[in-house]
């Protein structure tokens, strides 16, 4: 069974408890890493400048305390394998349903891009 590494745990701990609940259920079914939870001002604005976010600080759900957004990637990381992101998305959606979290949305479903991104609310 897969489990989170130290970095994933640190990122996950910065997230809303509902996100934590879903991802802790999902890791028992599929191996993935948590690469970002909360983002501070400098990190958010850098993500915006680099094209990794469409929002400046403090408008991203990553900027909330606790974070209302999380970025995850199937492990081992292969950014070009979109099929694995889609498989992981099905695991996350199933895990959210199992633990009763109804308002978790995938970035790819929302915008047709940003496969690593999940957020509470739209």
PDB file of N, CA and C in Angstrom:
ATOM      1  N   UNK A   1       0.844  -1.183   0.000  1.00  0.00           N
ATOM      2  CA  UNK A   1       0.000   0.000   0.000  1.00  0.00           C
ATOM      3  C   UNK A   1       0.889   1.245   0.000  1.00  0.00           C
ATOM      4  N   UNK A   2       0.519   2.222  -0.799  1.00  0.00           N
ATOM      5  CA  UNK A   2       1.271   3.477  -0.890  1.00  0.00           C
ATOM      6  C   UNK A   2       1.052   4.318   0.367  1.00  0.00           C
ATOM      7  N   UNK A   3       1.995   5.184   0.625  1.00  0.00           N
ATOM      8  CA  UNK A   3       1.849   6.137   1.727  1.00  0.00           C
ATOM      9  C   UNK A   3       2.561   7.419   1.344  1.00  0.00           C
ATOM     10  N   UNK A   4       2.169   8.510   1.986  1.00  0.00           N
ATOM     11  CA  UNK A   4       2.775   9.794   1.690  1.00  0.00           C
ATOM     12  C   UNK A   4       4.178   9.889   2.274  1.00  0.00           C
ATOM     13  N   UNK A   5       5.055  10.541   1.510  1.00  0.00           N
ATOM     14  CA  UNK A   5       6.380  10.865   2.013  1.00  0.00           C
ATOM     15  C   UNK A   5       6.324  12.128   2.857  1.00  0.00           C
ATOM     16  N   UNK A   6       7.463  12.506   3.402  1.00  0.00           N
ATOM     17  CA  UNK A   6       7.546  13.663   4.288  1.00  0.00           C
ATOM     18  C   UNK A   6       7.082  14.952   3.609  1.00  0.00           C
ATOM     19  N   UNK A   7       7.546  15.205   2.379  1.00  0.00           N
ATOM     20  CA  UNK A   7       7.160  16.445   1.679  1.00  0.00           C
ATOM     21  C   UNK A   7       5.666  16.465   1.400  1.00  0.00           C
ATOM     22  N   UNK A   8       5.116  15.335   0.959  1.00  0.00           N
ATOM     23  CA  UNK A   8       3.675  15.273   0.711  1.00  0.00           C
ATOM     24  C   UNK A   8       2.896  15.554   1.986  1.00  0.00           C
ATOM     25  N   UNK A   9       3.330  14.974   3.098  1.00  0.00           N
ATOM     26  CA  UNK A   9       2.655  15.200   4.387  1.00  0.00           C
ATOM     27  C   UNK A   9       2.683  16.673   4.769  1.00  0.00           C
ATOM     28  N   UNK A  10       3.827  17.319   4.583  1.00  0.00           N
ATOM     29  CA  UNK A  10       3.943  18.736   4.922  1.00  0.00           C
ATOM     30  C   UNK A  10       3.001  19.587   4.080  1.00  0.00           C
ATOM     31  N   UNK A  11       2.931  19.290   2.805  1.00  0.00           N
ATOM     32  CA  UNK A  11       2.022  20.033   1.924  1.00  0.00           C
ATOM     33  C   UNK A  11       0.568  19.755   2.307  1.00  0.00           C
ATOM     34  N   UNK A  12       0.259  18.510   2.554  1.00  0.00           N
ATOM     35  CA  UNK A  12      -1.114  18.114   2.879  1.00  0.00           C
ATOM     36  C   UNK A  12      -1.582  18.752   4.180  1.00  0.00           C
ATOM     37  N   UNK A  13      -0.709  18.869   5.162  1.00  0.00           N
ATOM     38  CA  UNK A  13      -1.078  19.443   6.455  1.00  0.00           C
ATOM     39  C   UNK A  13      -1.483  20.909   6.353  1.00  0.00           C
ATOM     40  N   UNK A  14      -1.090  21.588   5.269  1.00  0.00           N
ATOM     41  CA  UNK A  14      -1.466  22.991   5.090  1.00  0.00           C
ATOM     42  C   UNK A  14      -2.856  23.138   4.470  1.00  0.00           C
ATOM     43  N   UNK A  15      -3.496  22.002   4.172  1.00  0.00           N
ATOM     44  CA  UNK A  15      -4.777  22.005   3.466  1.00  0.00           C
ATOM     45  C   UNK A  15      -5.969  21.838   4.408  1.00  0.00           C
ATOM     46  N   UNK A  16      -7.112  22.261   3.937  1.00  0.00           N
ATOM     47  CA  UNK A  16      -8.382  22.072   4.628  1.00  0.00           C
ATOM     48  C   UNK A  16      -8.548  20.600   4.997  1.00  0.00           C
ATOM     49  N   UNK A  17      -9.165  20.348   6.131  1.00  0.00           N
ATOM     50  CA  UNK A  17      -9.322  18.974   6.614  1.00  0.00           C
ATOM     51  C   UNK A  17     -10.120  18.098   5.649  1.00  0.00           C
ATOM     52  N   UNK A  18     -11.012  18.677   4.854  1.00  0.00           N
ATOM     53  CA  UNK A  18     -11.770  17.882   3.877  1.00  0.00           C
ATOM     54  C   UNK A  18     -10.859  17.367   2.768  1.00  0.00           C
ATOM     55  N   UNK A  19      -9.928  18.201   2.321  1.00  0.00           N
ATOM     56  CA  UNK A  19      -8.954  17.765   1.325  1.00  0.00           C
ATOM     57  C   UNK A  19      -8.088  16.659   1.917  1.00  0.00           C
ATOM     58  N   UNK A  20      -7.646  16.848   3.145  1.00  0.00           N
ATOM     59  CA  UNK A  20      -6.827  15.834   3.807  1.00  0.00           C
ATOM     60  C   UNK A  20      -7.571  14.504   3.892  1.00  0.00           C
ATOM     61  N   UNK A  21      -8.830  14.553   4.250  1.00  0.00           N
ATOM     62  CA  UNK A  21      -9.632  13.336   4.379  1.00  0.00           C
ATOM     63  C   UNK A  21      -9.709  12.579   3.052  1.00  0.00           C
ATOM     64  N   UNK A  22      -9.987  13.296   1.976  1.00  0.00           N
ATOM     65  CA  UNK A  22     -10.088  12.671   0.655  1.00  0.00           C
ATOM     66  C   UNK A  22      -8.753  12.070   0.233  1.00  0.00           C
ATOM     67  N   UNK A  23      -7.684  12.842   0.368  1.00  0.00           N
ATOM     68  CA  UNK A  23      -6.389  12.361  -0.111  1.00  0.00           C
ATOM     69  C   UNK A  23      -5.850  11.215   0.738  1.00  0.00           C
ATOM     70  N   UNK A  24      -6.144  11.222   2.020  1.00  0.00           N
ATOM     71  CA  UNK A  24      -5.718  10.093   2.859  1.00  0.00           C
ATOM     72  C   UNK A  24      -6.469   8.811   2.490  1.00  0.00           C
ATOM     73  N   UNK A  25      -7.691   8.941   2.055  1.00  0.00           N
ATOM     74  CA  UNK A  25      -8.425   7.776   1.543  1.00  0.00           C
ATOM     75  C   UNK A  25      -7.838   7.345   0.198  1.00  0.00           C
ATOM     76  N   UNK A  26      -7.579   8.294  -0.676  1.00  0.00           N
ATOM     77  CA  UNK A  26      -7.101   7.987  -2.028  1.00  0.00           C
ATOM     78  C   UNK A  26      -5.737   7.303  -2.032  1.00  0.00           C
ATOM     79  N   UNK A  27      -4.843   7.692  -1.111  1.00  0.00           N
ATOM     80  CA  UNK A  27      -3.494   7.113  -1.112  1.00  0.00           C
ATOM     81  C   UNK A  27      -3.545   5.615  -0.804  1.00  0.00           C
ATOM     82  N   UNK A  28      -4.607   5.147  -0.219  1.00  0.00           N
ATOM     83  CA  UNK A  28      -4.722   3.703   0.046  1.00  0.00           C
ATOM     84  C   UNK A  28      -5.069   2.927  -1.217  1.00  0.00           C
ATOM     85  N   UNK A  29      -5.397   3.639  -2.302  1.00  0.00           N
ATOM     86  CA  UNK A  29      -5.796   3.004  -3.560  1.00  0.00           C
ATOM     87  C   UNK A  29      -4.852   3.268  -4.727  1.00  0.00           C
ATOM     88  N   UNK A  30      -4.073   4.356  -4.643  1.00  0.00           N
ATOM     89  CA  UNK A  30      -3.249   4.760  -5.792  1.00  0.00           C
ATOM     90  C   UNK A  30      -2.091   5.599  -5.281  1.00  0.00           C
ATOM     91  N   UNK A  31      -0.908   5.407  -5.834  1.00  0.00           N
ATOM     92  CA  UNK A  31       0.264   6.130  -5.372  1.00  0.00           C
ATOM     93  C   UNK A  31       0.368   7.486  -6.072  1.00  0.00           C
ATOM     94  N   UNK A  32       0.491   8.540  -5.276  1.00  0.00           N
ATOM     95  CA  UNK A  32       0.645   9.891  -5.811  1.00  0.00           C
ATOM     96  C   UNK A  32       1.349  10.747  -4.775  1.00  0.00           C
ATOM     97  N   UNK A  33       1.853  11.886  -5.225  1.00  0.00           N
ATOM     98  CA  UNK A  33       2.530  12.834  -4.341  1.00  0.00           C
ATOM     99  C   UNK A  33       1.718  14.124  -4.257  1.00  0.00           C
ATOM    100  N   UNK A  34       1.751  14.734  -3.091  1.00  0.00           N
ATOM    101  CA  UNK A  34       1.164  16.060  -2.889  1.00  0.00           C
ATOM    102  C   UNK A  34       2.304  17.048  -3.080  1.00  0.00           C
ATOM    103  N   UNK A  35       2.164  17.909  -4.090  1.00  0.00           N
ATOM    104  CA  UNK A  35       3.277  18.805  -4.413  1.00  0.00           C
ATOM    105  C   UNK A  35       3.054  20.246  -3.957  1.00  0.00           C
ATOM    106  N   UNK A  36       1.811  20.587  -3.622  1.00  0.00           N
ATOM    107  CA  UNK A  36       1.568  21.945  -3.134  1.00  0.00           C
ATOM    108  C   UNK A  36       0.228  22.015  -2.431  1.00  0.00           C
ATOM    109  N   UNK A  37       0.237  22.658  -1.286  1.00  0.00           N
ATOM    110  CA  UNK A  37      -0.978  23.011  -0.557  1.00  0.00           C
ATOM    111  C   UNK A  37      -1.040  24.531  -0.530  1.00  0.00           C
ATOM    112  N   UNK A  38      -0.754  25.094   0.644  1.00  0.00           N
ATOM    113  CA  UNK A  38      -0.774  26.548   0.797  1.00  0.00           C
ATOM    114  C   UNK A  38       0.373  27.204   0.030  1.00  0.00           C
ATOM    115  N   UNK A  39       0.073  28.377  -0.558  1.00  0.00           N
ATOM    116  CA  UNK A  39       1.093  29.226  -1.184  1.00  0.00           C
ATOM    117  C   UNK A  39       1.029  30.600  -0.542  1.00  0.00           C
ATOM    118  N   UNK A  40       2.177  31.101  -0.148  1.00  0.00           N
ATOM    119  CA  UNK A  40       2.268  32.471   0.348  1.00  0.00           C
ATOM    120  C   UNK A  40       2.320  33.460  -0.807  1.00  0.00           C
ATOM    121  N   UNK A  41       2.425  34.736  -0.481  1.00  0.00           N
ATOM    122  CA  UNK A  41       2.364  35.793  -1.496  1.00  0.00           C
ATOM    123  C   UNK A  41       3.460  35.662  -2.550  1.00  0.00           C
ATOM    124  N   UNK A  42       4.705  35.524  -2.123  1.00  0.00           N
ATOM    125  CA  UNK A  42       5.807  35.447  -3.083  1.00  0.00           C
ATOM    126  C   UNK A  42       5.657  34.229  -3.992  1.00  0.00           C
ATOM    127  N   UNK A  43       5.343  33.099  -3.406  1.00  0.00           N
ATOM    128  CA  UNK A  43       5.215  31.863  -4.182  1.00  0.00           C
ATOM    129  C   UNK A  43       4.036  31.936  -5.158  1.00  0.00           C
ATOM    130  N   UNK A  44       2.925  32.521  -4.728  1.00  0.00           N
ATOM    131  CA  UNK A  44       1.755  32.650  -5.604  1.00  0.00           C
ATOM    132  C   UNK A  44       2.060  33.582  -6.771  1.00  0.00           C
ATOM    133  N   UNK A  45       2.669  34.700  -6.493  1.00  0.00           N
ATOM    134  CA  UNK A  45       2.967  35.644  -7.569  1.00  0.00           C
ATOM    135  C   UNK A  45       4.016  35.095  -8.529  1.00  0.00           C
ATOM    136  N   UNK A  46       4.939  34.291  -8.019  1.00  0.00           N
ATOM    137  CA  UNK A  46       5.896  33.625  -8.904  1.00  0.00           C
ATOM    138  C   UNK A  46       5.184  32.604  -9.792  1.00  0.00           C
ATOM    139  N   UNK A  47       4.247  31.847  -9.222  1.00  0.00           N
ATOM    140  CA  UNK A  47       3.467  30.886 -10.016  1.00  0.00           C
ATOM    141  C   UNK A  47       2.691  31.621 -11.109  1.00  0.00           C
ATOM    142  N   UNK A  48       2.175  32.794 -10.800  1.00  0.00           N
ATOM    143  CA  UNK A  48       1.472  33.607 -11.791  1.00  0.00           C
ATOM    144  C   UNK A  48       2.430  34.055 -12.893  1.00  0.00           C
ATOM    145  N   UNK A  49       3.588  34.581 -12.516  1.00  0.00           N
ATOM    146  CA  UNK A  49       4.572  35.056 -13.511  1.00  0.00           C
ATOM    147  C   UNK A  49       5.050  33.925 -14.409  1.00  0.00           C
ATOM    148  N   UNK A  50       5.184  32.721 -13.846  1.00  0.00           N
ATOM    149  CA  UNK A  50       5.664  31.568 -14.615  1.00  0.00           C
ATOM    150  C   UNK A  50       4.572  30.887 -15.429  1.00  0.00           C
ATOM    151  N   UNK A  51       3.345  31.359 -15.315  1.00  0.00           N
ATOM    152  CA  UNK A  51       2.246  30.758 -16.061  1.00  0.00           C
ATOM    153  C   UNK A  51       1.673  29.510 -15.422  1.00  0.00           C
ATOM    154  N   UNK A  52       2.052  29.233 -14.169  1.00  0.00           N
ATOM    155  CA  UNK A  52       1.533  28.066 -13.465  1.00  0.00           C
ATOM    156  C   UNK A  52       0.255  28.372 -12.693  1.00  0.00           C
ATOM    157  N   UNK A  53      -0.154  29.622 -12.678  1.00  0.00           N
ATOM    158  CA  UNK A  53      -1.413  30.042 -12.068  1.00  0.00           C
ATOM    159  C   UNK A  53      -1.951  31.216 -12.862  1.00  0.00           C
ATOM    160  N   UNK A  54      -3.249  31.332 -12.896  1.00  0.00           N
ATOM    161  CA  UNK A  54      -3.885  32.454 -13.588  1.00  0.00           C
ATOM    162  C   UNK A  54      -4.200  33.595 -12.615  1.00  0.00           C
ATOM    163  N   UNK A  55      -3.893  33.384 -11.331  1.00  0.00           N
ATOM    164  CA  UNK A  55      -4.286  34.341 -10.302  1.00  0.00           C
ATOM    165  C   UNK A  55      -3.088  34.851  -9.513  1.00  0.00           C
ATOM    166  N   UNK A  56      -3.109  36.139  -9.212  1.00  0.00           N
ATOM    167  CA  UNK A  56      -2.127  36.731  -8.310  1.00  0.00           C
ATOM    168  C   UNK A  56      -2.619  36.569  -6.869  1.00  0.00           C
ATOM    169  N   UNK A  57      -1.685  36.698  -5.925  1.00  0.00           N
ATOM    170  CA  UNK A  57      -2.021  36.685  -4.507  1.00  0.00           C
ATOM    171  C   UNK A  57      -2.934  37.868  -4.204  1.00  0.00           C
ATOM    172  N   UNK A  58      -3.957  37.739  -3.411  1.00  0.00           N
ATOM    173  CA  UNK A  58      -4.405  36.608  -2.605  1.00  0.00           C
ATOM    174  C   UNK A  58      -5.619  35.898  -3.196  1.00  0.00           C
ATOM    175  N   UNK A  59      -5.753  35.900  -4.513  1.00  0.00           N
ATOM    176  CA  UNK A  59      -6.986  35.418  -5.146  1.00  0.00           C
ATOM    177  C   UNK A  59      -7.081  33.913  -5.340  1.00  0.00           C
ATOM    178  N   UNK A  60      -5.985  33.188  -5.185  1.00  0.00           N
ATOM    179  CA  UNK A  60      -6.002  31.737  -5.377  1.00  0.00           C
ATOM    180  C   UNK A  60      -6.522  31.023  -4.131  1.00  0.00           C
ATOM    181  N   UNK A  61      -7.187  29.920  -4.343  1.00  0.00           N
ATOM    182  CA  UNK A  61      -7.624  29.090  -3.226  1.00  0.00           C
ATOM    183  C   UNK A  61      -6.432  28.491  -2.487  1.00  0.00           C
ATOM    184  N   UNK A  62      -5.250  28.480  -3.126  1.00  0.00           N
ATOM    185  CA  UNK A  62      -4.027  28.044  -2.457  1.00  0.00           C
ATOM    186  C   UNK A  62      -3.599  29.044  -1.375  1.00  0.00           C
ATOM    187  N   UNK A  63      -4.094  30.283  -1.440  1.00  0.00           N
ATOM    188  CA  UNK A  63      -3.658  31.335  -0.527  1.00  0.00           C
ATOM    189  C   UNK A  63      -4.449  31.390   0.774  1.00  0.00           C
ATOM    190  N   UNK A  64      -5.484  30.591   0.893  1.00  0.00           N
ATOM    191  CA  UNK A  64      -6.308  30.553   2.111  1.00  0.00           C
ATOM    192  C   UNK A  64      -5.582  29.780   3.219  1.00  0.00           C
ATOM    193  N   UNK A  65      -5.994  30.039   4.455  1.00  0.00           N
ATOM    194  CA  UNK A  65      -5.492  29.296   5.629  1.00  0.00           C
ATOM    195  C   UNK A  65      -6.681  28.623   6.290  1.00  0.00           C
ATOM    196  N   UNK A  66      -6.804  27.316   6.278  1.00  0.00           N
ATOM    197  CA  UNK A  66      -5.971  26.381   5.535  1.00  0.00           C
ATOM    198  C   UNK A  66      -6.265  26.464   4.039  1.00  0.00           C
ATOM    199  N   UNK A  67      -5.372  25.915   3.246  1.00  0.00           N
ATOM    200  CA  UNK A  67      -5.506  25.967   1.797  1.00  0.00           C
ATOM    201  C   UNK A  67      -6.789  25.267   1.349  1.00  0.00           C
ATOM    202  N   UNK A  68      -7.477  25.903   0.429  1.00  0.00           N
ATOM    203  CA  UNK A  68      -8.681  25.337  -0.160  1.00  0.00           C
ATOM    204  C   UNK A  68      -8.373  24.640  -1.482  1.00  0.00           C
ATOM    205  N   UNK A  69      -7.068  24.524  -1.788  1.00  0.00           N
ATOM    206  CA  UNK A  69      -6.623  23.882  -3.029  1.00  0.00           C
ATOM    207  C   UNK A  69      -5.374  23.064  -2.756  1.00  0.00           C
ATOM    208  N   UNK A  70      -5.171  22.080  -3.624  1.00  0.00           N
ATOM    209  CA  UNK A  70      -4.014  21.202  -3.512  1.00  0.00           C
ATOM    210  C   UNK A  70      -3.592  20.786  -4.910  1.00  0.00           C
ATOM    211  N   UNK A  71      -2.301  20.595  -5.103  1.00  0.00           N
ATOM    212  CA  UNK A  71      -1.780  20.064  -6.359  1.00  0.00           C
ATOM    213  C   UNK A  71      -1.177  18.698  -6.067  1.00  0.00           C
ATOM    214  N   UNK A  72      -1.546  17.723  -6.886  1.00  0.00           N
ATOM    215  CA  UNK A  72      -1.065  16.354  -6.711  1.00  0.00           C
ATOM    216  C   UNK A  72      -0.615  15.807  -8.059  1.00  0.00           C
ATOM    217  N   UNK A  73       0.248  14.804  -8.011  1.00  0.00           N
ATOM    218  CA  UNK A  73       0.754  14.206  -9.245  1.00  0.00           C
ATOM    219  C   UNK A  73       0.915  12.702  -9.024  1.00  0.00           C
ATOM    220  N   UNK A  74       0.530  11.894 -10.024  1.00  0.00           N
ATOM    221  CA  UNK A  74       0.740  10.447  -9.896  1.00  0.00           C
ATOM    222  C   UNK A  74       2.227  10.155  -9.709  1.00  0.00           C
ATOM    223  N   UNK A  75       2.518   9.159  -8.909  1.00  0.00           N
ATOM    224  CA  UNK A  75       3.904   8.789  -8.627  1.00  0.00           C
ATOM    225  C   UNK A  75       4.224   7.451  -9.265  1.00  0.00           C
ATOM    226  N   UNK A  76       5.388   7.301  -9.900  1.00  0.00           N
ATOM    227  CA  UNK A  76       6.426   8.302 -10.104  1.00  0.00           C
ATOM    228  C   UNK A  76       5.973   9.374 -11.094  1.00  0.00           C
ATOM    229  N   UNK A  77       6.547  10.547 -10.948  1.00  0.00           N
ATOM    230  CA  UNK A  77       6.118  11.712 -11.720  1.00  0.00           C
ATOM    231  C   UNK A  77       6.474  11.565 -13.198  1.00  0.00           C
ATOM    232  N   UNK A  78       5.471  11.740 -14.044  1.00  0.00           N
ATOM    233  CA  UNK A  78       5.646  11.805 -15.497  1.00  0.00           C
ATOM    234  C   UNK A  78       4.614  12.815 -15.999  1.00  0.00           C
ATOM    235  N   UNK A  79       5.040  14.057 -16.148  1.00  0.00           N
ATOM    236  CA  UNK A  79       4.124  15.147 -16.496  1.00  0.00           C
ATOM    237  C   UNK A  79       3.422  14.920 -17.831  1.00  0.00           C
ATOM    238  N   UNK A  80       3.993  14.121 -18.704  1.00  0.00           N
ATOM    239  CA  UNK A  80       3.413  13.916 -20.030  1.00  0.00           C
ATOM    240  C   UNK A  80       2.400  12.779 -20.088  1.00  0.00           C
ATOM    241  N   UNK A  81       2.242  12.018 -19.020  1.00  0.00           N
ATOM    242  CA  UNK A  81       1.328  10.880 -19.020  1.00  0.00           C
ATOM    243  C   UNK A  81      -0.043  11.313 -18.499  1.00  0.00           C
ATOM    244  N   UNK A  82      -0.839  11.902 -19.387  1.00  0.00           N
ATOM    245  CA  UNK A  82      -2.155  12.402 -19.005  1.00  0.00           C
ATOM    246  C   UNK A  82      -3.117  11.280 -18.613  1.00  0.00           C
ATOM    247  N   UNK A  83      -2.901  10.092 -19.151  1.00  0.00           N
ATOM    248  CA  UNK A  83      -3.762   8.966 -18.788  1.00  0.00           C
ATOM    249  C   UNK A  83      -3.652   8.673 -17.290  1.00  0.00           C
ATOM    250  N   UNK A  84      -2.459   8.776 -16.738  1.00  0.00           N
ATOM    251  CA  UNK A  84      -2.289   8.544 -15.297  1.00  0.00           C
ATOM    252  C   UNK A  84      -2.956   9.630 -14.466  1.00  0.00           C
ATOM    253  N   UNK A  85      -2.936  10.874 -14.940  1.00  0.00           N
ATOM    254  CA  UNK A  85      -3.662  11.942 -14.242  1.00  0.00           C
ATOM    255  C   UNK A  85      -5.165  11.657 -14.252  1.00  0.00           C
ATOM    256  N   UNK A  86      -5.666  11.157 -15.372  1.00  0.00           N
ATOM    257  CA  UNK A  86      -7.099  10.843 -15.458  1.00  0.00           C
ATOM    258  C   UNK A  86      -7.460   9.671 -14.558  1.00  0.00           C
ATOM    259  N   UNK A  87      -6.592   8.676 -14.478  1.00  0.00           N
ATOM    260  CA  UNK A  87      -6.822   7.550 -13.567  1.00  0.00           C
ATOM    261  C   UNK A  87      -6.829   8.043 -12.123  1.00  0.00           C
ATOM    262  N   UNK A  88      -5.857   8.879 -11.776  1.00  0.00           N
ATOM    263  CA  UNK A  88      -5.808   9.434 -10.430  1.00  0.00           C
ATOM    264  C   UNK A  88      -7.062  10.256 -10.142  1.00  0.00           C
ATOM    265  N   UNK A  89      -7.531  11.003 -11.119  1.00  0.00           N
ATOM    266  CA  UNK A  89      -8.748  11.804 -10.921  1.00  0.00           C
ATOM    267  C   UNK A  89      -9.936  10.922 -10.560  1.00  0.00           C
ATOM    268  N   UNK A  90     -10.057   9.778 -11.200  1.00  0.00           N
ATOM    269  CA  UNK A  90     -11.157   8.871 -10.877  1.00  0.00           C
ATOM    270  C   UNK A  90     -11.021   8.342  -9.450  1.00  0.00           C
ATOM    271  N   UNK A  91      -9.801   8.074  -9.028  1.00  0.00           N
ATOM    272  CA  UNK A  91      -9.562   7.621  -7.649  1.00  0.00           C
ATOM    273  C   UNK A  91      -9.938   8.727  -6.666  1.00  0.00           C
ATOM    274  N   UNK A  92      -9.545   9.957  -6.955  1.00  0.00           N
ATOM    275  CA  UNK A  92      -9.859  11.081  -6.063  1.00  0.00           C
ATOM    276  C   UNK A  92     -11.371  11.291  -5.995  1.00  0.00           C
ATOM    277  N   UNK A  93     -12.033  11.271  -7.125  1.00  0.00           N
ATOM    278  CA  UNK A  93     -13.490  11.452  -7.136  1.00  0.00           C
ATOM    279  C   UNK A  93     -14.187  10.346  -6.350  1.00  0.00           C
ATOM    280  N   UNK A  94     -13.743   9.109  -6.526  1.00  0.00           N
ATOM    281  CA  UNK A  94     -14.318   7.996  -5.782  1.00  0.00           C
ATOM    282  C   UNK A  94     -14.052   8.115  -4.295  1.00  0.00           C
ATOM    283  N   UNK A  95     -12.868   8.555  -3.937  1.00  0.00           N
ATOM    284  CA  UNK A  95     -12.522   8.736  -2.525  1.00  0.00           C
ATOM    285  C   UNK A  95     -13.336   9.862  -1.902  1.00  0.00           C
ATOM    286  N   UNK A  96     -13.537  10.945  -2.639  1.00  0.00           N
ATOM    287  CA  UNK A  96     -14.355  12.055  -2.134  1.00  0.00           C
ATOM    288  C   UNK A  96     -15.782  11.577  -1.872  1.00  0.00           C
ATOM    289  N   UNK A  97     -16.314  10.805  -2.785  1.00  0.00           N
ATOM    290  CA  UNK A  97     -17.664  10.274  -2.599  1.00  0.00           C
ATOM    291  C   UNK A  97     -17.718   9.358  -1.376  1.00  0.00           C
ATOM    292  N   UNK A  98     -16.715   8.514  -1.238  1.00  0.00           N
ATOM    293  CA  UNK A  98     -16.686   7.555  -0.124  1.00  0.00           C
ATOM    294  C   UNK A  98     -16.664   8.260   1.228  1.00  0.00           C
ATOM    295  N   UNK A  99     -15.899   9.349   1.345  1.00  0.00           N
ATOM    296  CA  UNK A  99     -15.782  10.036   2.633  1.00  0.00           C
ATOM    297  C   UNK A  99     -16.774  11.192   2.785  1.00  0.00           C
ATOM    298  N   UNK A 100     -17.617  11.407   1.772  1.00  0.00           N
ATOM    299  CA  UNK A 100     -18.683  12.401   1.885  1.00  0.00           C
ATOM    300  C   UNK A 100     -18.277  13.840   1.638  1.00  0.00           C
ATOM    301  N   UNK A 101     -17.241  14.046   0.846  1.00  0.00           N
ATOM    302  CA  UNK A 101     -16.840  15.410   0.475  1.00  0.00           C
ATOM    303  C   UNK A 101     -17.366  15.665  -0.938  1.00  0.00           C
ATOM    304  N   UNK A 102     -18.378  16.517  -1.027  1.00  0.00           N
ATOM    305  CA  UNK A 102     -19.085  16.717  -2.303  1.00  0.00           C
ATOM    306  C   UNK A 102     -18.579  17.895  -3.122  1.00  0.00           C
ATOM    307  N   UNK A 103     -17.814  18.783  -2.526  1.00  0.00           N
ATOM    308  CA  UNK A 103     -17.472  20.036  -3.201  1.00  0.00           C
ATOM    309  C   UNK A 103     -16.001  20.113  -3.604  1.00  0.00           C
ATOM    310  N   UNK A 104     -15.406  18.968  -3.951  1.00  0.00           N
ATOM    311  CA  UNK A 104     -14.012  18.948  -4.407  1.00  0.00           C
ATOM    312  C   UNK A 104     -14.007  18.823  -5.927  1.00  0.00           C
ATOM    313  N   UNK A 105     -13.306  19.750  -6.592  1.00  0.00           N
ATOM    314  CA  UNK A 105     -13.344  19.823  -8.051  1.00  0.00           C
ATOM    315  C   UNK A 105     -11.936  19.753  -8.644  1.00  0.00           C
ATOM    316  N   UNK A 106     -11.843  19.059  -9.765  1.00  0.00           N
ATOM    317  CA  UNK A 106     -10.581  18.875 -10.481  1.00  0.00           C
ATOM    318  C   UNK A 106     -10.344  20.043 -11.426  1.00  0.00           C
ATOM    319  N   UNK A 107      -9.131  20.594 -11.411  1.00  0.00           N
ATOM    320  CA  UNK A 107      -8.782  21.703 -12.295  1.00  0.00           C
ATOM    321  C   UNK A 107      -9.029  21.394 -13.759  1.00  0.00           C
ATOM    322  N   UNK A 108      -8.758  20.166 -14.175  1.00  0.00           N
ATOM    323  CA  UNK A 108      -8.969  19.812 -15.580  1.00  0.00           C
ATOM    324  C   UNK A 108     -10.449  19.851 -15.952  1.00  0.00           C
ATOM    325  N   UNK A 109     -11.317  19.426 -15.042  1.00  0.00           N
ATOM    326  CA  UNK A 109     -12.764  19.503 -15.301  1.00  0.00           C
ATOM    327  C   UNK A 109     -13.238  20.945 -15.346  1.00  0.00           C
ATOM    328  N   UNK A 110     -12.632  21.799 -14.538  1.00  0.00           N
ATOM    329  CA  UNK A 110     -13.054  23.198 -14.469  1.00  0.00           C
ATOM    330  C   UNK A 110     -12.587  24.012 -15.668  1.00  0.00           C
ATOM    331  N   UNK A 111     -11.324  23.799 -16.108  1.00  0.00           N
ATOM    332  CA  UNK A 111     -10.728  24.690 -17.111  1.00  0.00           C
ATOM    333  C   UNK A 111     -10.136  23.972 -18.315  1.00  0.00           C
ATOM    334  N   UNK A 112     -10.210  22.657 -18.361  1.00  0.00           N
ATOM    335  CA  UNK A 112      -9.594  21.859 -19.433  1.00  0.00           C
ATOM    336  C   UNK A 112      -8.078  21.964 -19.445  1.00  0.00           C
ATOM    337  N   UNK A 113      -7.501  22.280 -18.302  1.00  0.00           N
ATOM    338  CA  UNK A 113      -6.060  22.252 -18.088  1.00  0.00           C
ATOM    339  C   UNK A 113      -5.839  22.185 -16.583  1.00  0.00           C
ATOM    340  N   UNK A 114      -4.634  22.148 -16.139  1.00  0.00           N
ATOM    341  CA  UNK A 114      -4.270  22.100 -14.724  1.00  0.00           C
ATOM    342  C   UNK A 114      -4.668  20.769 -14.076  1.00  0.00           C
ATOM    343  N   UNK A 115      -4.202  19.685 -14.677  1.00  0.00           N
ATOM    344  CA  UNK A 115      -4.508  18.345 -14.182  1.00  0.00           C
ATOM    345  C   UNK A 115      -4.032  18.075 -12.747  1.00  0.00           C
ATOM    346  N   UNK A 116      -2.972  18.724 -12.247  1.00  0.00           N
ATOM    347  CA  UNK A 116      -2.582  18.466 -10.864  1.00  0.00           C
ATOM    348  C   UNK A 116      -3.511  19.118  -9.816  1.00  0.00           C
ATOM    349  N   UNK A 117      -4.292  20.108 -10.212  1.00  0.00           N
ATOM    350  CA  UNK A 117      -5.029  20.968  -9.284  1.00  0.00           C
ATOM    351  C   UNK A 117      -6.387  20.408  -8.878  1.00  0.00           C
ATOM    352  N   UNK A 118      -6.660  20.480  -7.570  1.00  0.00           N
ATOM    353  CA  UNK A 118      -7.973  20.164  -6.983  1.00  0.00           C
ATOM    354  C   UNK A 118      -8.335  21.276  -6.034  1.00  0.00           C
ATOM    355  N   UNK A 119      -9.622  21.642  -5.975  1.00  0.00           N
ATOM    356  CA  UNK A 119     -10.020  22.710  -5.078  1.00  0.00           C
ATOM    357  C   UNK A 119     -11.424  22.491  -4.528  1.00  0.00           C
ATOM    358  N   UNK A 120     -11.671  23.083  -3.378  1.00  0.00           N
ATOM    359  CA  UNK A 120     -12.999  23.095  -2.789  1.00  0.00           C
ATOM    360  C   UNK A 120     -13.763  24.262  -3.412  1.00  0.00           C
ATOM    361  N   UNK A 121     -14.949  24.002  -3.885  1.00  0.00           N
ATOM    362  CA  UNK A 121     -15.744  25.049  -4.543  1.00  0.00           C
ATOM    363  C   UNK A 121     -15.260  25.296  -5.950  1.00  0.00           C
ATOM    364  N   UNK A 122     -16.035  26.082  -6.678  1.00  0.00           N
ATOM    365  CA  UNK A 122     -15.681  26.389  -8.065  1.00  0.00           C
ATOM    366  C   UNK A 122     -15.154  27.800  -8.220  1.00  0.00           C
TER     367      UNK A 122
END
